[in-house]
Amino acid sequence: MKFGEIIRDARLKKQLTYRAMADKLDNIISSAYINAIELHNEIPSPDTVMHLAEVLDLNADELLEIAKQVKINEFNSLMNKKYRGRKK
């Protein structure tokens, strides 16, 4: 399951709108950014991931690990594109 899907599923399970979730997060992030996380698999900072986990009653360590893996995959993909076809 993708990071954004996890956040969306947990938010919907708690019956929170984007605005209500942003309010629960003390507007640390906007409702628009929550939407971007869910729909575009944006990965927020580790601190924000921790806040999301707390508000959504998710395991923070697991959520951080998923976020880290997404970032690693993004980096690997970028490097593969950049260096594809180059001789070693």
Protein backbone atom coordinates (compact mmCIF):
# COMPACT_ATOMS: atom_id res chain seq x y z
CA MET A 1 0.00 0.00 0.00
CA LYS A 2 1.29 3.47 -0.85
CA PHE A 3 1.96 6.12 1.78
CA GLY A 4 -0.85 8.35 0.53
CA GLU A 5 -3.32 5.48 0.55
CA ILE A 6 -2.48 4.69 4.16
CA ILE A 7 -3.09 8.30 5.17
CA ARG A 8 -6.33 8.51 3.19
CA ASP A 9 -7.69 5.23 4.56
CA ALA A 10 -6.90 6.21 8.15
CA ARG A 11 -8.40 9.70 7.69
CA LEU A 12 -11.60 8.29 6.22
CA LYS A 13 -11.82 5.65 8.95
CA LYS A 14 -11.80 8.50 11.48
CA GLN A 15 -14.35 10.33 9.31
CA LEU A 16 -12.17 13.43 9.03
CA THR A 17 -12.35 15.93 6.20
CA TYR A 18 -9.12 17.51 4.98
CA ARG A 19 -10.00 20.66 6.94
CA ALA A 20 -10.84 18.75 10.13
CA MET A 21 -7.58 16.84 9.90
CA ALA A 22 -5.59 20.05 9.37
CA ASP A 23 -7.32 21.48 12.44
CA LYS A 24 -6.40 18.39 14.50
CA LEU A 25 -2.81 18.93 13.34
CA ASP A 26 -3.01 22.53 14.63
CA ASN A 27 -2.62 23.63 11.00
CA ILE A 28 0.99 22.40 10.92
CA ILE A 29 0.10 21.44 7.36
CA SER A 30 -2.75 22.69 5.21
CA SER A 31 -5.73 20.76 3.98
CA ALA A 32 -4.33 21.21 0.44
CA TYR A 33 -1.07 19.53 1.48
CA ILE A 34 -2.98 16.64 3.06
CA ASN A 35 -4.72 16.25 -0.29
CA ALA A 36 -1.32 16.23 -2.06
CA ILE A 37 -0.02 13.58 0.34
CA GLU A 38 -3.01 11.35 -0.34
CA LEU A 39 -3.34 11.84 -4.08
CA HIS A 40 0.23 12.37 -5.22
CA ASN A 41 2.08 10.37 -2.57
CA GLU A 42 3.92 13.47 -1.34
CA ILE A 43 6.14 12.57 1.58
CA PRO A 44 6.23 15.13 4.37
CA SER A 45 9.06 15.71 6.82
CA PRO A 46 9.66 13.13 9.53
CA ASP A 47 8.17 15.48 12.14
CA THR A 48 4.99 15.83 10.11
CA VAL A 49 4.82 12.07 9.59
CA MET A 50 4.96 11.72 13.38
CA HIS A 51 2.10 14.21 13.79
CA LEU A 52 0.04 12.40 11.14
CA ALA A 53 0.60 9.09 12.90
CA GLU A 54 -0.51 10.56 16.22
CA VAL A 55 -3.70 12.14 14.86
CA LEU A 56 -4.61 9.06 12.83
CA ASP A 57 -3.69 6.50 15.51
CA LEU A 58 -1.10 4.86 13.26
CA ASN A 59 2.19 3.27 14.25
CA ALA A 60 4.73 6.09 13.83
CA ASP A 61 7.71 3.77 13.30
CA GLU A 62 5.94 1.85 10.53
CA LEU A 63 4.75 5.05 8.86
CA LEU A 64 8.26 6.54 8.98
CA GLU A 65 9.68 3.35 7.47
CA ILE A 66 7.18 3.49 4.60
CA ALA A 67 7.98 7.17 4.01
CA LYS A 68 11.71 6.40 4.03
CA GLN A 69 11.27 3.61 1.50
CA VAL A 70 9.34 5.92 -0.84
CA LYS A 71 12.16 8.47 -0.67
CA ILE A 72 14.78 5.79 -1.34
CA ASN A 73 12.79 4.54 -4.34
CA GLU A 74 12.44 8.10 -5.68
CA PHE A 75 16.19 8.65 -5.35
CA ASN A 76 17.03 5.34 -7.05
CA SER A 77 14.65 6.09 -9.90
CA LEU A 78 16.16 9.54 -10.38
CA MET A 79 19.69 8.16 -10.38
CA ASN A 80 18.76 5.41 -12.85
CA LYS A 81 17.31 7.99 -15.24
CA LYS A 82 20.27 10.31 -14.87
CA TYR A 83 22.95 7.69 -15.41
CA ARG A 84 21.17 5.28 -17.78
CA GLY A 85 23.40 4.37 -20.67
CA ARG A 86 26.60 5.79 -19.23
CA LYS A 87 29.64 3.57 -19.25
CA LYS A 88 31.30 2.80 -15.95
